Amino acid sequence: MKAIIVRTPGGPEQLYIGEGEIPNPSDYQVLVRVEATALNRADTLQRAGKYPPPAGASSILGLEIAGRVVETGKSVSRWKTGDKVFGLLPGGGYAQYAIIHEDMAMAVPGGMSMEEATAIPEVFLTAFQALQWLGKVKAGETVLIHAGASGVGTAAIQLVREMGAQVIVTASATKHQTCQALGATTVIDYKTTLFASKVQEVTNGNGVDVIIDFIAADYFQLNIDSLALDGRLILLATLSGGKVKEFDLRKILSKRLQVIGSTLRSRSQEYQINLTREMAAFALPRFGDGRLKPVIDRVLDWKQVQEAHQLMESNQNTGKIVLKVE
């Protein structure tokens, strides 16, 4: 099969379309002819040699796919040849064929394209885990989402809206309209406004109940200042670094805060299967009737993978960057 290969760890120029072996599905896996895959930050980090795949996972980049089942393992009961599926992988998505556990695969909603379906798994599972499993968001609460126009950010805005909570986001000014259209009630330009001050203003000094953050070090103090009593800070990445130079821990005690860090790729298969089932039960009916939608910045031919990685690393995209696989 054809697959996107990393020549040697480094920049986007190290990516090229080469050849790999078609994987063999185990008893509970299905083999999928991939029609579309999508980019994630983990892909750019793995390409650079900074984020190795989990033990046993394919060394090929790519955490999500959409396509048609072409072969099933002998114990598979949920799928048959020809079924249109999409889902999250530990690796191997940048290829013509990929394997996925039958319980990690989801049915492509009627009327949805493969390009739209592949833009769902990583961002909506990550956002659902952060909001529901970790943040325990309740109707009537207020959630602050950083990087609101990112893939996870656009998914999180919609999920918070569907959970009956209020949404505040940070995003650059050119992306405000997109965030508002998805359901954000307040959008803060982090380049010109100190978000903690704006949060206090719009919440009448109470602060927010949950924060979803990818920035880490530079935002840590401001996040703590922005949280309400019994607030929860969910850390999903460390884009500004992982070390806070000085911080008064007493604020965590006095406000009874929870600081929770999480990743998804390194979780056990059982955890990911349970998360997929719960997210699918909540979200798939909403994708079916249009209440939820994947947000796609652009669809590129997979021959343009170098351009796609450059685009992601420049932070110009709003939503997902999708690759159409030939």
C-alpha atoms as a PDB file:
ATOM      1  CA  MET A   1       0.000   0.000   0.000  1.00  0.00           C
ATOM      2  CA  LYS A   2       0.972   3.645  -0.251  1.00  0.00           C
ATOM      3  CA  ALA A   3       1.596   5.534   2.985  1.00  0.00           C
ATOM      4  CA  ILE A   4       3.041   8.841   4.105  1.00  0.00           C
ATOM      5  CA  ILE A   5       6.515   8.165   5.478  1.00  0.00           C
ATOM      6  CA  VAL A   6       8.823  10.275   7.644  1.00  0.00           C
ATOM      7  CA  ARG A   7      12.213  10.167   5.948  1.00  0.00           C
ATOM      8  CA  THR A   8      14.032  11.220   9.115  1.00  0.00           C
ATOM      9  CA  PRO A   9      12.759  13.163  12.147  1.00  0.00           C
ATOM     10  CA  GLY A  10      12.520  16.843  11.317  1.00  0.00           C
ATOM     11  CA  GLY A  11      10.352  19.377   9.507  1.00  0.00           C
ATOM     12  CA  PRO A  12       7.467  18.927   7.067  1.00  0.00           C
ATOM     13  CA  GLU A  13       9.936  18.470   4.208  1.00  0.00           C
ATOM     14  CA  GLN A  14      10.724  15.014   5.647  1.00  0.00           C
ATOM     15  CA  LEU A  15       7.269  13.714   4.659  1.00  0.00           C
ATOM     16  CA  TYR A  16       6.767  11.814   1.410  1.00  0.00           C
ATOM     17  CA  ILE A  17       4.443   9.171  -0.032  1.00  0.00           C
ATOM     18  CA  GLY A  18       6.196   5.815   0.041  1.00  0.00           C
ATOM     19  CA  GLU A  19       5.192   2.224   0.574  1.00  0.00           C
ATOM     20  CA  GLY A  20       4.270   0.112   3.579  1.00  0.00           C
ATOM     21  CA  GLU A  21       2.801  -3.288   4.354  1.00  0.00           C
ATOM     22  CA  ILE A  22      -0.982  -3.613   4.514  1.00  0.00           C
ATOM     23  CA  PRO A  23      -1.728  -4.403   8.191  1.00  0.00           C
ATOM     24  CA  ASN A  24      -3.485  -7.629   9.138  1.00  0.00           C
ATOM     25  CA  PRO A  25      -6.554  -7.303  11.395  1.00  0.00           C
ATOM     26  CA  SER A  26      -6.548  -9.359  14.578  1.00  0.00           C
ATOM     27  CA  ASP A  27      -9.643 -11.168  15.877  1.00  0.00           C
ATOM     28  CA  TYR A  28     -11.487  -8.018  16.992  1.00  0.00           C
ATOM     29  CA  GLN A  29     -10.155  -5.566  14.402  1.00  0.00           C
ATOM     30  CA  VAL A  30     -11.373  -4.460  10.985  1.00  0.00           C
ATOM     31  CA  LEU A  31      -9.237  -3.463   8.007  1.00  0.00           C
ATOM     32  CA  VAL A  32     -10.385  -0.175   6.489  1.00  0.00           C
ATOM     33  CA  ARG A  33      -9.650   1.231   3.046  1.00  0.00           C
ATOM     34  CA  VAL A  34      -8.902   4.781   4.134  1.00  0.00           C
ATOM     35  CA  GLU A  35     -10.543   7.559   2.129  1.00  0.00           C
ATOM     36  CA  ALA A  36      -9.705  10.472   4.427  1.00  0.00           C
ATOM     37  CA  THR A  37      -7.518  11.240   7.429  1.00  0.00           C
ATOM     38  CA  ALA A  38      -6.873  14.416   9.421  1.00  0.00           C
ATOM     39  CA  LEU A  39      -4.010  16.256  11.074  1.00  0.00           C
ATOM     40  CA  ASN A  40      -3.361  16.529  14.806  1.00  0.00           C
ATOM     41  CA  ARG A  41      -0.655  18.190  16.873  1.00  0.00           C
ATOM     42  CA  ALA A  42       0.559  14.731  17.813  1.00  0.00           C
ATOM     43  CA  ASP A  43       1.383  14.129  14.141  1.00  0.00           C
ATOM     44  CA  THR A  44       3.641  17.172  13.907  1.00  0.00           C
ATOM     45  CA  LEU A  45       5.363  16.255  17.170  1.00  0.00           C
ATOM     46  CA  GLN A  46       5.866  12.630  16.111  1.00  0.00           C
ATOM     47  CA  ARG A  47       7.215  13.778  12.743  1.00  0.00           C
ATOM     48  CA  ALA A  48       9.772  15.906  14.602  1.00  0.00           C
ATOM     49  CA  GLY A  49      10.836  12.965  16.776  1.00  0.00           C
ATOM     50  CA  LYS A  50       9.298  14.407  19.962  1.00  0.00           C
ATOM     51  CA  TYR A  51       6.294  12.112  20.459  1.00  0.00           C
ATOM     52  CA  PRO A  52       6.836   8.389  19.806  1.00  0.00           C
ATOM     53  CA  PRO A  53       3.745   6.235  19.195  1.00  0.00           C
ATOM     54  CA  PRO A  54       2.487   4.005  22.020  1.00  0.00           C
ATOM     55  CA  ALA A  55       3.925   0.495  22.294  1.00  0.00           C
ATOM     56  CA  GLY A  56       2.477  -1.765  19.624  1.00  0.00           C
ATOM     57  CA  ALA A  57       1.050   1.066  17.511  1.00  0.00           C
ATOM     58  CA  SER A  58       1.919   1.664  13.870  1.00  0.00           C
ATOM     59  CA  SER A  59       4.886   3.956  13.305  1.00  0.00           C
ATOM     60  CA  ILE A  60       2.948   5.622  10.471  1.00  0.00           C
ATOM     61  CA  LEU A  61       1.460   9.006  11.414  1.00  0.00           C
ATOM     62  CA  GLY A  62      -2.268   9.564  11.653  1.00  0.00           C
ATOM     63  CA  LEU A  63      -4.721   9.206  14.551  1.00  0.00           C
ATOM     64  CA  GLU A  64      -8.052   9.222  12.744  1.00  0.00           C
ATOM     65  CA  ILE A  65      -9.579   7.754   9.623  1.00  0.00           C
ATOM     66  CA  ALA A  66     -12.771   7.435   7.639  1.00  0.00           C
ATOM     67  CA  GLY A  67     -13.304   4.767   5.006  1.00  0.00           C
ATOM     68  CA  ARG A  68     -14.909   1.432   4.139  1.00  0.00           C
ATOM     69  CA  VAL A  69     -14.396  -1.924   5.824  1.00  0.00           C
ATOM     70  CA  VAL A  70     -12.644  -4.364   3.464  1.00  0.00           C
ATOM     71  CA  GLU A  71     -11.840  -7.204   5.896  1.00  0.00           C
ATOM     72  CA  THR A  72     -12.970  -8.255   9.370  1.00  0.00           C
ATOM     73  CA  GLY A  73     -11.250 -10.274  12.078  1.00  0.00           C
ATOM     74  CA  LYS A  74     -12.758 -13.658  12.831  1.00  0.00           C
ATOM     75  CA  SER A  75     -14.421 -12.489  16.073  1.00  0.00           C
ATOM     76  CA  VAL A  76     -15.818  -9.195  14.751  1.00  0.00           C
ATOM     77  CA  SER A  77     -19.605  -8.962  15.107  1.00  0.00           C
ATOM     78  CA  ARG A  78     -20.382  -5.265  14.658  1.00  0.00           C
ATOM     79  CA  TRP A  79     -19.203  -4.646  11.087  1.00  0.00           C
ATOM     80  CA  LYS A  80     -19.218  -6.245   7.654  1.00  0.00           C
ATOM     81  CA  THR A  81     -17.379  -5.605   4.404  1.00  0.00           C
ATOM     82  CA  GLY A  82     -18.529  -2.384   2.776  1.00  0.00           C
ATOM     83  CA  ASP A  83     -19.601  -0.602   5.974  1.00  0.00           C
ATOM     84  CA  LYS A  84     -18.625   3.067   6.158  1.00  0.00           C
ATOM     85  CA  VAL A  85     -16.800   3.741   9.419  1.00  0.00           C
ATOM     86  CA  PHE A  86     -14.652   6.356  11.116  1.00  0.00           C
ATOM     87  CA  GLY A  87     -12.680   6.383  14.332  1.00  0.00           C
ATOM     88  CA  LEU A  88      -9.616   7.078  16.445  1.00  0.00           C
ATOM     89  CA  LEU A  89      -6.351   5.147  16.065  1.00  0.00           C
ATOM     90  CA  PRO A  90      -3.089   4.999  18.046  1.00  0.00           C
ATOM     91  CA  GLY A  91      -1.332   5.474  14.684  1.00  0.00           C
ATOM     92  CA  GLY A  92      -1.365   4.401  11.048  1.00  0.00           C
ATOM     93  CA  GLY A  93      -3.971   6.755   9.580  1.00  0.00           C
ATOM     94  CA  TYR A  94      -1.773   8.336   6.879  1.00  0.00           C
ATOM     95  CA  ALA A  95      -2.085   5.270   4.656  1.00  0.00           C
ATOM     96  CA  GLN A  96      -4.353   3.584   2.129  1.00  0.00           C
ATOM     97  CA  TYR A  97      -5.249   0.869   4.664  1.00  0.00           C
ATOM     98  CA  ALA A  98      -5.474   0.930   8.456  1.00  0.00           C
ATOM     99  CA  ILE A  99      -6.748  -1.362  11.202  1.00  0.00           C
ATOM    100  CA  ILE A 100      -9.067  -0.355  14.024  1.00  0.00           C
ATOM    101  CA  HIS A 101     -10.683  -2.230  16.894  1.00  0.00           C
ATOM    102  CA  GLU A 102     -14.343  -2.897  16.095  1.00  0.00           C
ATOM    103  CA  ASP A 103     -15.470  -1.029  19.224  1.00  0.00           C
ATOM    104  CA  MET A 104     -13.408   2.050  18.363  1.00  0.00           C
ATOM    105  CA  ALA A 105     -15.088   2.331  14.948  1.00  0.00           C
ATOM    106  CA  MET A 106     -18.266   4.379  14.542  1.00  0.00           C
ATOM    107  CA  ALA A 107     -20.755   4.394  11.676  1.00  0.00           C
ATOM    108  CA  VAL A 108     -20.493   7.384   9.353  1.00  0.00           C
ATOM    109  CA  PRO A 109     -23.758   9.326   9.794  1.00  0.00           C
ATOM    110  CA  GLY A 110     -26.071   9.356   6.775  1.00  0.00           C
ATOM    111  CA  GLY A 111     -25.357  12.208   4.408  1.00  0.00           C
ATOM    112  CA  MET A 112     -21.908  12.896   5.882  1.00  0.00           C
ATOM    113  CA  SER A 113     -18.829  12.760   3.671  1.00  0.00           C
ATOM    114  CA  MET A 114     -15.690  10.833   4.575  1.00  0.00           C
ATOM    115  CA  GLU A 115     -13.831  14.136   4.846  1.00  0.00           C
ATOM    116  CA  GLU A 116     -16.341  15.370   7.421  1.00  0.00           C
ATOM    117  CA  ALA A 117     -16.331  12.094   9.357  1.00  0.00           C
ATOM    118  CA  THR A 118     -12.555  11.939   9.725  1.00  0.00           C
ATOM    119  CA  ALA A 119     -12.596  15.433  11.259  1.00  0.00           C
ATOM    120  CA  ILE A 120     -14.594  14.160  14.248  1.00  0.00           C
ATOM    121  CA  PRO A 121     -12.813  11.436  16.299  1.00  0.00           C
ATOM    122  CA  GLU A 122      -9.769  13.010  17.912  1.00  0.00           C
ATOM    123  CA  VAL A 123     -11.184  16.440  18.647  1.00  0.00           C
ATOM    124  CA  PHE A 124     -14.636  15.389  19.816  1.00  0.00           C
ATOM    125  CA  LEU A 125     -13.336  12.488  21.930  1.00  0.00           C
ATOM    126  CA  THR A 126     -10.687  14.747  23.491  1.00  0.00           C
ATOM    127  CA  ALA A 127     -13.210  17.500  24.164  1.00  0.00           C
ATOM    128  CA  PHE A 128     -15.849  15.108  25.506  1.00  0.00           C
ATOM    129  CA  GLN A 129     -13.332  13.476  27.839  1.00  0.00           C
ATOM    130  CA  ALA A 130     -12.188  16.866  29.130  1.00  0.00           C
ATOM    131  CA  LEU A 131     -15.656  18.308  29.597  1.00  0.00           C
ATOM    132  CA  GLN A 132     -17.731  15.346  30.720  1.00  0.00           C
ATOM    133  CA  TRP A 133     -15.395  12.781  32.268  1.00  0.00           C
ATOM    134  CA  LEU A 134     -12.846  15.146  33.824  1.00  0.00           C
ATOM    135  CA  GLY A 135     -14.521  18.548  34.059  1.00  0.00           C
ATOM    136  CA  LYS A 136     -17.961  17.128  34.917  1.00  0.00           C
ATOM    137  CA  VAL A 137     -19.664  20.098  33.280  1.00  0.00           C
ATOM    138  CA  LYS A 138     -23.245  20.664  34.395  1.00  0.00           C
ATOM    139  CA  ALA A 139     -26.053  22.630  32.816  1.00  0.00           C
ATOM    140  CA  GLY A 140     -25.940  26.262  33.903  1.00  0.00           C
ATOM    141  CA  GLU A 141     -22.179  26.328  34.531  1.00  0.00           C
ATOM    142  CA  THR A 142     -19.683  28.499  32.651  1.00  0.00           C
ATOM    143  CA  VAL A 143     -16.722  27.075  30.740  1.00  0.00           C
ATOM    144  CA  LEU A 144     -13.653  28.924  29.450  1.00  0.00           C
ATOM    145  CA  ILE A 145     -12.062  27.306  26.390  1.00  0.00           C
ATOM    146  CA  HIS A 146      -8.643  28.465  25.250  1.00  0.00           C
ATOM    147  CA  ALA A 147      -7.669  28.177  21.570  1.00  0.00           C
ATOM    148  CA  GLY A 148     -11.368  28.254  20.768  1.00  0.00           C
ATOM    149  CA  ALA A 149     -10.862  28.084  17.002  1.00  0.00           C
ATOM    150  CA  SER A 150      -8.644  24.998  17.123  1.00  0.00           C
ATOM    151  CA  GLY A 151      -9.967  21.545  16.293  1.00  0.00           C
ATOM    152  CA  VAL A 152     -10.582  20.614  19.930  1.00  0.00           C
ATOM    153  CA  GLY A 153     -11.735  24.143  20.680  1.00  0.00           C
ATOM    154  CA  THR A 154     -14.456  24.166  18.016  1.00  0.00           C
ATOM    155  CA  ALA A 155     -15.612  20.726  19.166  1.00  0.00           C
ATOM    156  CA  ALA A 156     -15.644  21.815  22.817  1.00  0.00           C
ATOM    157  CA  ILE A 157     -17.699  24.950  22.118  1.00  0.00           C
ATOM    158  CA  GLN A 158     -20.434  22.859  20.521  1.00  0.00           C
ATOM    159  CA  LEU A 159     -20.394  20.189  23.214  1.00  0.00           C
ATOM    160  CA  VAL A 160     -20.615  22.767  26.029  1.00  0.00           C
ATOM    161  CA  ARG A 161     -23.559  24.376  24.248  1.00  0.00           C
ATOM    162  CA  GLU A 162     -25.300  20.999  23.963  1.00  0.00           C
ATOM    163  CA  MET A 163     -24.617  20.318  27.660  1.00  0.00           C
ATOM    164  CA  GLY A 164     -26.533  23.458  28.546  1.00  0.00           C
ATOM    165  CA  ALA A 165     -23.567  25.466  29.831  1.00  0.00           C
ATOM    166  CA  GLN A 166     -22.263  28.919  28.880  1.00  0.00           C
ATOM    167  CA  VAL A 167     -19.139  29.263  26.735  1.00  0.00           C
ATOM    168  CA  ILE A 168     -16.332  31.820  26.950  1.00  0.00           C
ATOM    169  CA  VAL A 169     -13.393  31.389  24.572  1.00  0.00           C
ATOM    170  CA  THR A 170     -10.061  32.979  23.780  1.00  0.00           C
ATOM    171  CA  ALA A 171      -9.113  33.283  20.109  1.00  0.00           C
ATOM    172  CA  SER A 172      -7.475  35.740  17.733  1.00  0.00           C
ATOM    173  CA  ALA A 173      -9.792  38.434  16.384  1.00  0.00           C
ATOM    174  CA  THR A 174     -10.092  36.935  12.896  1.00  0.00           C
ATOM    175  CA  LYS A 175     -11.582  33.765  14.390  1.00  0.00           C
ATOM    176  CA  HIS A 176     -14.198  35.349  16.676  1.00  0.00           C
ATOM    177  CA  GLN A 177     -17.078  35.061  14.231  1.00  0.00           C
ATOM    178  CA  THR A 178     -16.562  31.309  13.844  1.00  0.00           C
ATOM    179  CA  CYS A 179     -16.528  30.787  17.623  1.00  0.00           C
ATOM    180  CA  GLN A 180     -19.686  32.850  18.088  1.00  0.00           C
ATOM    181  CA  ALA A 181     -21.487  30.978  15.328  1.00  0.00           C
ATOM    182  CA  LEU A 182     -20.722  27.707  17.115  1.00  0.00           C
ATOM    183  CA  GLY A 183     -22.176  28.909  20.400  1.00  0.00           C
ATOM    184  CA  ALA A 184     -19.617  31.018  22.286  1.00  0.00           C
ATOM    185  CA  THR A 185     -21.370  33.781  24.235  1.00  0.00           C
ATOM    186  CA  THR A 186     -18.147  35.724  24.925  1.00  0.00           C
ATOM    187  CA  VAL A 187     -15.025  35.733  22.753  1.00  0.00           C
ATOM    188  CA  ILE A 188     -11.809  37.298  24.059  1.00  0.00           C
ATOM    189  CA  ASP A 189      -8.923  38.414  21.836  1.00  0.00           C
ATOM    190  CA  TYR A 190      -6.014  37.059  23.852  1.00  0.00           C
ATOM    191  CA  LYS A 191      -3.582  39.275  21.902  1.00  0.00           C
ATOM    192  CA  THR A 192      -5.133  42.551  23.086  1.00  0.00           C
ATOM    193  CA  THR A 193      -7.091  41.697  26.246  1.00  0.00           C
ATOM    194  CA  LEU A 194      -6.063  40.132  29.553  1.00  0.00           C
ATOM    195  CA  PHE A 195      -8.535  37.263  29.576  1.00  0.00           C
ATOM    196  CA  ALA A 196      -8.679  36.932  33.383  1.00  0.00           C
ATOM    197  CA  SER A 197      -9.974  40.506  33.708  1.00  0.00           C
ATOM    198  CA  LYS A 198     -12.605  39.948  31.018  1.00  0.00           C
ATOM    199  CA  VAL A 199     -13.709  36.687  32.667  1.00  0.00           C
ATOM    200  CA  GLN A 200     -14.263  38.480  35.971  1.00  0.00           C
ATOM    201  CA  GLU A 201     -16.239  41.181  34.172  1.00  0.00           C
ATOM    202  CA  VAL A 202     -18.622  38.877  32.300  1.00  0.00           C
ATOM    203  CA  THR A 203     -19.144  36.534  35.283  1.00  0.00           C
ATOM    204  CA  ASN A 204     -19.820  39.404  37.748  1.00  0.00           C
ATOM    205  CA  GLY A 205     -16.663  38.529  39.640  1.00  0.00           C
ATOM    206  CA  ASN A 206     -17.599  34.878  40.178  1.00  0.00           C
ATOM    207  CA  GLY A 207     -15.203  33.281  37.693  1.00  0.00           C
ATOM    208  CA  VAL A 208     -15.766  30.202  35.541  1.00  0.00           C
ATOM    209  CA  ASP A 209     -16.476  26.658  36.664  1.00  0.00           C
ATOM    210  CA  VAL A 210     -14.246  24.823  34.168  1.00  0.00           C
ATOM    211  CA  ILE A 211     -11.273  25.803  32.001  1.00  0.00           C
ATOM    212  CA  ILE A 212     -10.005  23.749  29.055  1.00  0.00           C
ATOM    213  CA  ASP A 213      -6.402  24.785  28.426  1.00  0.00           C
ATOM    214  CA  PHE A 214      -3.664  23.864  25.952  1.00  0.00           C
ATOM    215  CA  ILE A 215      -1.283  26.736  26.717  1.00  0.00           C
ATOM    216  CA  ALA A 216      -0.126  25.806  30.257  1.00  0.00           C
ATOM    217  CA  ALA A 217       2.784  27.810  31.731  1.00  0.00           C
ATOM    218  CA  ASP A 218       1.987  31.309  30.460  1.00  0.00           C
ATOM    219  CA  TYR A 219      -1.703  30.953  31.371  1.00  0.00           C
ATOM    220  CA  PHE A 220      -1.459  29.035  34.639  1.00  0.00           C
ATOM    221  CA  GLN A 221      -1.668  31.989  37.040  1.00  0.00           C
ATOM    222  CA  LEU A 222      -4.383  33.673  34.964  1.00  0.00           C
ATOM    223  CA  ASN A 223      -6.354  30.419  34.839  1.00  0.00           C
ATOM    224  CA  ILE A 224      -6.275  30.062  38.607  1.00  0.00           C
ATOM    225  CA  ASP A 225      -7.399  33.676  38.947  1.00  0.00           C
ATOM    226  CA  SER A 226     -10.260  33.009  36.493  1.00  0.00           C
ATOM    227  CA  LEU A 227     -11.716  29.957  38.257  1.00  0.00           C
ATOM    228  CA  ALA A 228     -14.712  30.100  40.552  1.00  0.00           C
ATOM    229  CA  LEU A 229     -14.948  28.361  43.899  1.00  0.00           C
ATOM    230  CA  ASP A 230     -14.680  24.576  43.325  1.00  0.00           C
ATOM    231  CA  GLY A 231     -13.492  25.234  39.766  1.00  0.00           C
ATOM    232  CA  ARG A 232     -11.735  22.658  37.599  1.00  0.00           C
ATOM    233  CA  LEU A 233      -8.729  23.333  35.346  1.00  0.00           C
ATOM    234  CA  ILE A 234      -8.198  20.689  32.649  1.00  0.00           C
ATOM    235  CA  LEU A 235      -4.712  20.786  31.077  1.00  0.00           C
ATOM    236  CA  LEU A 236      -4.457  19.071  27.688  1.00  0.00           C
ATOM    237  CA  ALA A 237      -1.164  20.437  26.318  1.00  0.00           C
ATOM    238  CA  THR A 238       1.799  22.670  27.193  1.00  0.00           C
ATOM    239  CA  LEU A 239       2.175  24.882  24.132  1.00  0.00           C
ATOM    240  CA  SER A 240       3.871  27.675  26.112  1.00  0.00           C
ATOM    241  CA  GLY A 241       5.988  25.318  28.207  1.00  0.00           C
ATOM    242  CA  GLY A 242       5.553  23.164  31.269  1.00  0.00           C
ATOM    243  CA  LYS A 243       7.305  25.154  33.995  1.00  0.00           C
ATOM    244  CA  VAL A 244       5.675  27.888  36.061  1.00  0.00           C
ATOM    245  CA  LYS A 245       8.314  30.158  37.584  1.00  0.00           C
ATOM    246  CA  GLU A 246       6.382  31.408  40.591  1.00  0.00           C
ATOM    247  CA  PHE A 247       2.926  30.598  41.915  1.00  0.00           C
ATOM    248  CA  ASP A 248       1.052  30.898  45.186  1.00  0.00           C
ATOM    249  CA  LEU A 249      -0.396  27.443  45.894  1.00  0.00           C
ATOM    250  CA  ARG A 250      -2.688  28.822  48.582  1.00  0.00           C
ATOM    251  CA  LYS A 251      -5.159  29.926  45.903  1.00  0.00           C
ATOM    252  CA  ILE A 252      -5.773  26.295  44.999  1.00  0.00           C
ATOM    253  CA  LEU A 253      -6.592  25.566  48.633  1.00  0.00           C
ATOM    254  CA  SER A 254      -8.691  28.629  49.365  1.00  0.00           C
ATOM    255  CA  LYS A 255     -10.801  28.230  46.198  1.00  0.00           C
ATOM    256  CA  ARG A 256     -10.945  24.408  46.514  1.00  0.00           C
ATOM    257  CA  LEU A 257      -9.710  24.002  42.949  1.00  0.00           C
ATOM    258  CA  GLN A 258      -8.924  20.879  40.973  1.00  0.00           C
ATOM    259  CA  VAL A 259      -6.050  20.860  38.475  1.00  0.00           C
ATOM    260  CA  ILE A 260      -6.314  17.842  36.163  1.00  0.00           C
ATOM    261  CA  GLY A 261      -3.880  16.864  33.418  1.00  0.00           C
ATOM    262  CA  SER A 262      -4.768  14.367  30.730  1.00  0.00           C
ATOM    263  CA  THR A 263      -3.794  12.831  27.424  1.00  0.00           C
ATOM    264  CA  LEU A 264      -5.850  10.449  25.299  1.00  0.00           C
ATOM    265  CA  ARG A 265      -3.422   8.624  23.018  1.00  0.00           C
ATOM    266  CA  SER A 266      -1.633   6.898  25.906  1.00  0.00           C
ATOM    267  CA  ARG A 267      -4.859   5.676  27.546  1.00  0.00           C
ATOM    268  CA  SER A 268      -5.690   1.987  27.596  1.00  0.00           C
ATOM    269  CA  GLN A 269      -7.796   0.520  24.802  1.00  0.00           C
ATOM    270  CA  GLU A 270     -10.551  -0.270  27.302  1.00  0.00           C
ATOM    271  CA  TYR A 271     -10.651   3.374  28.393  1.00  0.00           C
ATOM    272  CA  GLN A 272     -10.782   4.593  24.804  1.00  0.00           C
ATOM    273  CA  ILE A 273     -13.521   2.115  23.888  1.00  0.00           C
ATOM    274  CA  ASN A 274     -15.686   3.218  26.828  1.00  0.00           C
ATOM    275  CA  LEU A 275     -15.089   6.872  25.941  1.00  0.00           C
ATOM    276  CA  THR A 276     -15.970   6.211  22.297  1.00  0.00           C
ATOM    277  CA  ARG A 277     -19.226   4.498  23.262  1.00  0.00           C
ATOM    278  CA  GLU A 278     -20.285   7.312  25.576  1.00  0.00           C
ATOM    279  CA  MET A 279     -19.309  10.092  23.194  1.00  0.00           C
ATOM    280  CA  ALA A 280     -21.032   8.311  20.285  1.00  0.00           C
ATOM    281  CA  ALA A 281     -24.253   7.914  22.278  1.00  0.00           C
ATOM    282  CA  PHE A 282     -24.246  11.637  23.036  1.00  0.00           C
ATOM    283  CA  ALA A 283     -22.925  13.029  19.767  1.00  0.00           C
ATOM    284  CA  LEU A 284     -23.877  10.803  16.822  1.00  0.00           C
ATOM    285  CA  PRO A 285     -27.608  11.647  16.972  1.00  0.00           C
ATOM    286  CA  ARG A 286     -26.609  15.312  17.087  1.00  0.00           C
ATOM    287  CA  PHE A 287     -24.333  14.916  14.075  1.00  0.00           C
ATOM    288  CA  GLY A 288     -27.182  13.183  12.313  1.00  0.00           C
ATOM    289  CA  ASP A 289     -29.620  16.077  12.757  1.00  0.00           C
ATOM    290  CA  GLY A 290     -27.081  18.881  12.422  1.00  0.00           C
ATOM    291  CA  ARG A 291     -26.857  20.106  16.008  1.00  0.00           C
ATOM    292  CA  LEU A 292     -23.170  19.177  15.969  1.00  0.00           C
ATOM    293  CA  LYS A 293     -20.840  19.497  13.006  1.00  0.00           C
ATOM    294  CA  PRO A 294     -17.154  18.972  12.330  1.00  0.00           C
ATOM    295  CA  VAL A 295     -15.380  22.246  11.592  1.00  0.00           C
ATOM    296  CA  ILE A 296     -12.992  21.888   8.659  1.00  0.00           C
ATOM    297  CA  ASP A 297     -10.483  24.557   7.691  1.00  0.00           C
ATOM    298  CA  ARG A 298      -9.638  22.878   4.380  1.00  0.00           C
ATOM    299  CA  VAL A 299      -9.362  19.554   2.588  1.00  0.00           C
ATOM    300  CA  LEU A 300      -6.076  18.823   0.811  1.00  0.00           C
ATOM    301  CA  ASP A 301      -4.891  15.935  -1.318  1.00  0.00           C
ATOM    302  CA  TRP A 302      -2.542  13.777   0.744  1.00  0.00           C
ATOM    303  CA  LYS A 303       0.215  14.637  -1.731  1.00  0.00           C
ATOM    304  CA  GLN A 304       0.072  18.086  -0.104  1.00  0.00           C
ATOM    305  CA  VAL A 305       0.919  16.707   3.341  1.00  0.00           C
ATOM    306  CA  GLN A 306       3.991  18.952   3.685  1.00  0.00           C
ATOM    307  CA  GLU A 307       1.822  22.024   3.066  1.00  0.00           C
ATOM    308  CA  ALA A 308      -0.755  20.692   5.538  1.00  0.00           C
ATOM    309  CA  HIS A 309       1.823  20.313   8.316  1.00  0.00           C
ATOM    310  CA  GLN A 310       3.226  23.777   7.628  1.00  0.00           C
ATOM    311  CA  LEU A 311      -0.270  25.210   7.862  1.00  0.00           C
ATOM    312  CA  MET A 312      -0.953  23.537  11.221  1.00  0.00           C
ATOM    313  CA  GLU A 313       2.349  24.656  12.698  1.00  0.00           C
ATOM    314  CA  SER A 314       1.676  28.259  11.631  1.00  0.00           C
ATOM    315  CA  ASN A 315      -1.600  28.227  13.643  1.00  0.00           C
ATOM    316  CA  GLN A 316      -3.514  29.711  10.718  1.00  0.00           C
ATOM    317  CA  ASN A 317      -6.227  27.053  10.581  1.00  0.00           C
ATOM    318  CA  THR A 318      -9.697  27.301  12.078  1.00  0.00           C
ATOM    319  CA  GLY A 319     -10.837  23.760  12.783  1.00  0.00           C
ATOM    320  CA  LYS A 320      -9.448  20.633  11.178  1.00  0.00           C
ATOM    321  CA  ILE A 321      -7.081  20.122   8.274  1.00  0.00           C
ATOM    322  CA  VAL A 322      -8.154  17.031   6.343  1.00  0.00           C
ATOM    323  CA  LEU A 323      -6.199  14.906   3.863  1.00  0.00           C
ATOM    324  CA  LYS A 324      -8.012  13.071   1.099  1.00  0.00           C
ATOM    325  CA  VAL A 325      -6.341   9.692   0.586  1.00  0.00           C
ATOM    326  CA  GLU A 326      -6.128   8.297  -2.941  1.00  0.00           C
END
